[in-house]
Protein backbone atom coordinates (compact mmCIF):
# COMPACT_ATOMS: atom_id res chain seq x y z
CA MET A 1 -37.84 -122.78 50.14
CA GLU A 2 -40.13 -126.12 49.36
CA ARG A 3 -43.34 -126.49 50.93
CA TRP A 4 -45.51 -129.52 51.20
CA PHE A 5 -49.30 -129.85 50.33
CA PRO A 6 -51.46 -132.61 50.26
CA HIS A 7 -53.12 -134.14 47.22
CA ALA A 8 -55.17 -137.14 45.78
CA SER A 9 -52.98 -138.28 42.39
CA GLY A 10 -56.04 -139.96 40.38
CA PRO A 11 -59.17 -142.25 41.11
CA GLY A 12 -57.89 -144.50 43.93
CA GLU A 13 -54.51 -142.49 44.26
CA GLY A 14 -53.55 -140.09 47.07
CA SER A 15 -50.24 -138.54 48.25
CA TRP A 16 -48.50 -134.84 48.21
CA ILE A 17 -46.96 -132.47 46.19
CA ARG A 18 -44.38 -129.70 46.71
CA CYS A 19 -43.86 -126.61 45.47
CA SER A 20 -40.14 -125.80 44.96
CA GLY A 21 -38.30 -122.44 43.90
CA GLU A 22 -37.55 -123.80 40.24
CA GLY A 23 -41.26 -123.54 39.99
CA SER A 24 -41.92 -127.47 39.62
CA TRP A 25 -44.37 -129.50 41.34
CA ILE A 26 -43.94 -132.95 42.23
CA SER A 27 -45.85 -136.19 44.02
CA SER A 28 -43.83 -137.26 46.31
CA SER A 29 -44.08 -141.37 45.24
CA GLY A 30 -41.78 -140.12 42.96
CA ALA A 31 -43.87 -139.52 39.94
CA ALA A 32 -45.13 -136.40 38.90
CA SER A 33 -49.39 -135.86 39.13
CA TYR A 34 -49.58 -132.65 39.58
CA ALA A 35 -46.93 -130.43 37.02
CA ALA A 36 -46.89 -126.95 37.19
CA ASN A 37 -44.41 -124.82 35.57
CA ASP A 38 -44.27 -120.83 36.23
CA ARG A 39 -42.04 -118.58 34.42
CA ALA A 40 -41.39 -116.74 37.52
CA ALA A 41 -38.91 -119.12 39.37
CA LEU A 42 -37.07 -119.79 36.17
CA LEU A 43 -34.15 -117.81 34.77
CA GLN A 44 -34.76 -118.50 31.19
CA GLU A 45 -34.36 -116.86 27.92
CA TRP A 46 -37.71 -115.05 26.81
CA HIS A 47 -38.53 -115.68 23.21
CA GLY A 48 -41.54 -113.09 22.18
CA GLY A 49 -42.82 -112.81 25.14
CA ARG A 50 -42.84 -116.28 26.53
CA CYS A 51 -40.12 -118.42 28.16
CA ARG A 52 -39.71 -122.50 28.52
CA GLY A 53 -40.53 -124.63 31.49
CA SER A 54 -38.51 -125.70 33.84
CA LEU A 55 -36.56 -129.04 32.09
CA TYR A 56 -37.68 -131.07 35.46
CA SER A 57 -41.27 -130.50 35.15
CA HIS A 58 -40.84 -132.73 31.95
CA GLN A 59 -38.72 -135.64 33.46
CA GLU A 60 -41.20 -136.00 36.10
CA LEU A 61 -43.92 -136.54 33.51
CA ALA A 62 -41.50 -139.14 31.49
CA VAL A 63 -41.37 -140.31 34.88
CA ALA A 64 -44.62 -140.64 35.73
CA TYR A 65 -45.53 -141.90 32.52
CA ALA A 66 -43.13 -145.11 32.31
CA LEU A 67 -44.07 -145.68 36.04
CA GLY A 68 -47.73 -146.10 34.27
CA PHE A 69 -49.69 -143.28 35.77
CA GLU A 70 -52.77 -142.31 33.87
CA HIS A 71 -54.86 -139.71 35.26
CA ILE A 72 -52.79 -136.51 35.84
CA LEU A 73 -53.18 -133.02 36.44
CA ILE A 74 -50.38 -130.15 34.28
CA LEU A 75 -51.02 -126.87 35.14
CA ASN A 76 -48.78 -124.17 33.02
CA HIS A 77 -48.08 -120.67 33.30
CA ARG A 78 -49.65 -118.88 30.88
CA ASN A 79 -46.55 -117.59 29.08
CA VAL A 80 -44.47 -121.14 28.83
CA HIS A 81 -43.83 -122.46 25.81
CA ASP A 82 -45.55 -125.63 24.81
CA GLU A 83 -42.60 -128.03 24.67
CA GLY A 84 -41.01 -131.46 25.01
CA MET A 85 -43.70 -134.07 27.15
CA GLN A 86 -45.68 -131.30 27.34
CA LYS A 87 -46.48 -130.76 23.82
CA PHE A 88 -47.87 -133.94 23.60
CA ILE A 89 -50.27 -133.90 26.56
CA VAL A 90 -53.43 -132.30 26.14
CA SER A 91 -54.09 -129.99 29.77
CA ASN A 92 -57.96 -128.94 30.12
CA LEU A 93 -57.29 -126.87 33.06
CA PRO A 94 -57.17 -122.98 32.92
CA ARG A 95 -53.54 -121.48 32.76
CA PHE A 96 -52.43 -119.52 35.21
CA ASP A 97 -50.97 -116.02 35.37
CA ASP A 98 -50.27 -115.95 39.48
CA TYR A 99 -48.90 -118.85 42.31
CA LYS A 100 -52.23 -117.77 44.30
CA GLN A 101 -54.63 -119.30 41.61
CA VAL A 102 -52.49 -122.83 41.76
CA LEU A 103 -54.18 -124.33 44.78
CA PRO A 104 -58.05 -123.25 44.48
CA THR A 105 -57.97 -124.66 40.65
CA ILE A 106 -56.34 -127.35 41.35
CA ALA A 107 -58.78 -128.02 44.39
CA GLN A 108 -61.76 -127.65 42.10
CA ALA A 109 -60.57 -129.64 39.57
CA VAL A 110 -59.86 -132.56 42.20
CA MET A 111 -63.47 -132.23 43.68
CA GLU A 112 -64.52 -131.93 40.06
CA ALA A 113 -63.27 -135.76 39.03
CA ARG A 114 -64.39 -136.86 42.70
CA TRP A 115 -60.84 -138.30 42.77
CA CYS A 116 -59.93 -140.62 46.28
CA PRO A 117 -57.74 -139.55 48.81
CA ASN A 118 -55.96 -143.32 49.21
CA TYR A 119 -53.06 -143.67 47.27
CA SER A 120 -53.58 -146.16 44.81
CA ARG A 121 -50.48 -147.27 44.49
CA GLN A 122 -49.81 -148.75 48.20
CA LEU A 123 -51.23 -151.81 50.26
CA SER A 124 -54.93 -152.22 50.15
CA LEU A 125 -57.36 -154.56 51.40
CA VAL A 126 -59.29 -155.35 48.39
CA ARG A 127 -61.63 -158.00 49.81
CA VAL A 128 -62.49 -159.75 52.83
CA ARG A 129 -64.56 -162.84 52.73
CA TRP A 130 -65.19 -166.42 54.61
CA SER A 131 -63.56 -169.79 54.64
CA ASP A 132 -65.22 -173.25 54.72
CA PRO A 133 -64.95 -174.21 58.69
CA MET A 134 -61.84 -176.25 59.24
CA PRO A 135 -59.47 -177.73 62.33
CA TYR A 136 -56.74 -175.31 62.26
CA GLY A 137 -53.71 -176.20 64.91
CA ASP A 138 -50.47 -173.97 65.51
CA HIS A 139 -48.32 -173.42 68.81
CA THR A 140 -51.30 -173.62 71.11
CA GLY A 141 -52.91 -176.51 69.74
CA MET A 142 -55.85 -177.26 67.27
CA GLN A 143 -59.39 -176.23 66.91
CA PRO A 144 -62.45 -176.48 64.16
CA LEU A 145 -62.70 -172.81 63.25
CA LYS A 146 -64.45 -170.83 60.17
CA GLN A 147 -62.31 -168.00 59.60
CA LEU A 148 -62.35 -164.70 57.56
CA HIS A 149 -59.54 -163.69 55.69
CA GLY A 150 -58.39 -160.14 54.43
CA ASP A 151 -56.70 -159.97 51.01
CA ILE A 152 -54.25 -157.12 51.24
CA MET A 153 -53.18 -155.98 47.58
CA ASN A 154 -49.64 -154.72 46.74
CA GLY A 155 -50.70 -151.65 44.01
CA ARG A 156 -46.41 -151.29 43.15
CA LEU A 157 -46.14 -152.42 39.79
CA ASP A 158 -42.45 -151.60 40.47
CA ARG A 159 -41.87 -152.62 43.69
CA ALA A 160 -42.41 -155.51 45.93
CA ALA A 161 -44.05 -155.26 49.47
CA TYR A 162 -41.56 -157.60 51.65
CA ASN A 163 -41.99 -158.53 55.56
CA VAL A 164 -45.53 -157.28 55.54
CA VAL A 165 -47.72 -158.48 58.75
CA ALA A 166 -51.18 -157.49 60.16
CA GLN A 167 -52.57 -157.28 63.64
CA LEU A 168 -55.80 -156.16 65.06
CA SER A 169 -55.56 -153.14 66.85
CA SER A 170 -58.93 -152.77 69.36
CA ILE A 171 -62.09 -153.73 69.22
CA PHE A 172 -65.38 -151.35 69.76
CA ASP A 173 -68.66 -153.34 71.21
CA LEU A 174 -71.16 -150.68 69.45
CA ASP A 175 -73.99 -152.23 70.93
CA ARG A 176 -72.63 -151.43 74.65
CA GLY A 177 -70.49 -148.59 73.39
CA SER A 178 -67.31 -149.71 74.93
CA GLU A 179 -64.01 -150.62 74.05
CA VAL A 180 -63.76 -154.55 74.31
CA ALA A 181 -60.31 -155.34 76.20
CA LEU A 182 -57.83 -156.85 73.57
CA LYS A 183 -54.99 -158.85 75.08
CA ASP A 184 -53.88 -160.41 72.37
CA LYS A 185 -51.93 -157.37 69.47
CA THR A 186 -49.49 -159.96 68.27
CA LEU A 187 -49.18 -160.55 64.57
CA LEU A 188 -51.87 -162.26 62.52
CA LYS A 189 -51.24 -165.40 59.99
CA ALA A 190 -50.97 -165.35 56.51
CA SER A 191 -53.01 -167.93 55.33
CA GLY A 192 -51.70 -170.43 53.38
CA PHE A 193 -48.01 -169.83 54.73
CA LEU A 194 -46.13 -171.26 57.82
CA GLY A 195 -45.62 -168.28 59.94
CA TYR A 196 -46.74 -164.54 60.35
CA GLN A 197 -45.45 -162.25 57.68
CA GLN A 198 -45.27 -162.53 53.68
CA THR A 199 -43.80 -160.89 50.88
CA ILE A 200 -46.34 -159.26 48.56
CA TRP A 201 -44.67 -159.49 44.61
CA PRO A 202 -45.94 -155.92 42.33
CA GLY A 203 -49.88 -156.15 41.53
CA ASP A 204 -50.68 -159.42 43.30
CA ILE A 205 -52.84 -160.18 46.08
CA ASN A 206 -52.32 -162.33 49.72
CA SER A 207 -54.21 -162.99 53.02
CA PHE A 208 -54.21 -162.52 56.24
CA ASP A 209 -56.46 -164.48 58.82
CA LEU A 210 -58.40 -161.47 59.94
CA LEU A 211 -60.64 -163.62 62.44
CA GLY A 212 -61.79 -167.54 63.61
CA VAL A 213 -65.15 -167.92 64.67
CA SER A 214 -65.66 -171.15 66.89
CA TRP A 215 -67.28 -173.94 65.46
CA VAL A 216 -67.84 -175.71 68.62
CA ASP A 217 -69.32 -172.76 70.06
CA GLN A 218 -70.02 -170.06 67.25
CA ARG A 219 -70.13 -167.38 70.23
CA LEU A 220 -66.79 -167.43 70.34
CA ILE A 221 -64.27 -165.68 67.79
CA PHE A 222 -60.17 -165.95 68.17
CA LEU A 223 -57.22 -164.94 66.49
CA ASN A 224 -54.83 -166.85 64.45
CA SER A 225 -52.13 -164.88 66.39
CA SER A 226 -48.34 -165.52 67.30
CA ARG A 227 -49.52 -165.15 70.64
CA ASP A 228 -47.72 -167.77 72.80
CA VAL A 229 -50.33 -168.39 75.40
CA ARG A 230 -51.88 -171.68 75.54
CA PRO A 231 -54.86 -172.28 75.97
CA ARG A 232 -55.58 -169.94 73.13
CA ALA A 233 -58.55 -167.51 74.60
CA ALA A 234 -61.78 -165.99 72.46
CA ILE A 235 -60.97 -162.21 71.98
CA ILE A 236 -65.25 -162.38 71.89
CA ASP A 237 -67.53 -164.32 73.37
CA ARG A 238 -70.95 -163.34 73.28
CA VAL A 239 -72.74 -162.43 70.38
CA GLY A 240 -73.19 -158.37 68.68
CA ARG A 241 -72.20 -155.48 67.01
CA TYR A 242 -68.48 -154.98 67.09
CA ARG A 243 -65.98 -152.37 65.50
CA MET A 244 -62.64 -154.15 64.54
CA THR A 245 -59.61 -152.02 63.72
CA TYR A 246 -56.74 -153.86 61.82
CA ARG A 247 -53.46 -152.82 60.68
CA PHE A 248 -51.14 -153.85 57.79
CA VAL A 249 -47.69 -152.52 57.33
CA GLY A 250 -44.68 -154.01 54.72
CA GLU A 251 -41.32 -152.72 54.66
CA ASN A 252 -41.05 -148.64 52.86
CA TYR A 253 -44.94 -149.14 52.44
CA PRO A 254 -47.19 -146.85 54.72
CA VAL A 255 -49.43 -148.14 57.30
CA LEU A 256 -52.47 -148.94 56.06
CA THR A 257 -55.45 -149.12 58.70
CA ARG A 258 -58.98 -150.53 58.16
CA THR A 259 -62.05 -151.15 60.11
CA LEU A 260 -64.64 -153.60 59.65
CA VAL A 261 -68.45 -153.38 61.57
CA PHE A 262 -68.91 -157.16 62.31
CA ASN A 263 -72.56 -158.17 63.76
CA HIS A 264 -71.57 -161.31 64.83
CA THR A 265 -74.95 -163.70 65.32
CA GLY A 266 -73.36 -167.06 66.43
CA GLY A 267 -74.72 -168.82 63.88
CA ASP A 268 -73.98 -171.21 61.19
CA ASP A 269 -73.48 -168.40 58.96
CA PRO A 270 -72.14 -165.42 60.13
CA GLN A 271 -72.47 -162.54 58.35
CA LEU A 272 -69.73 -160.82 56.14
CA PRO A 273 -68.71 -158.02 58.11
CA GLU A 274 -69.18 -154.44 56.41
CA VAL A 275 -65.52 -152.56 55.75
CA GLU A 276 -65.53 -148.94 56.24
């Protein structure tokens, strides 16, 4: 029988762990961020009242080390020998005598370390920034825009993120307390590239055009999107405070959802949105 539990696996990281009948804990990403040896699940030879740990736990620790995981929790049964990889790793967690002690011990350790539930080895929005006003042209025509770029980082060091795309999924008017009708939920422009999808290499950062403020009428906000409708219509046409939710996804990567709060003043120097 196999049970799954949500967990955080390091500063800025988070994933899932499983508890298997072999007494081994491993993160679903394939690298052990929690490892636990339990003698009750091991049919091993006893040596002086102690038994050997699971070979799988040692393999998982080796994989975690090879993949660069530095922040891990190791939890061991009191009667398991310190051997293999475990022998060279210092653990400050108390040993356990019963499975019932495992989850409370891990939960307490995670809270004390102030780990974040967001798994860092995936896509992440690392910053937003304004460009200088410049003409932007595409299949719908040309207009001068001051563009807001969102920089997306691939936190994996062993895998490229292929076909990464972005979408504005919703707009909420905070001043009026209501949703803004959004007709354009198509793909957003990859900044500096031809097209609306891109590859982000391991550890690299690429950008998407999140929105564009018109430099003809600064009340108007447009999207540089793949929507094939002419003329391009503004998604916002009056000043106010807006909560805008974006989604980013690549092949074999989970969907990243981030929300920006934009105080749209309609002036020449737009404020940088707050990332929630």
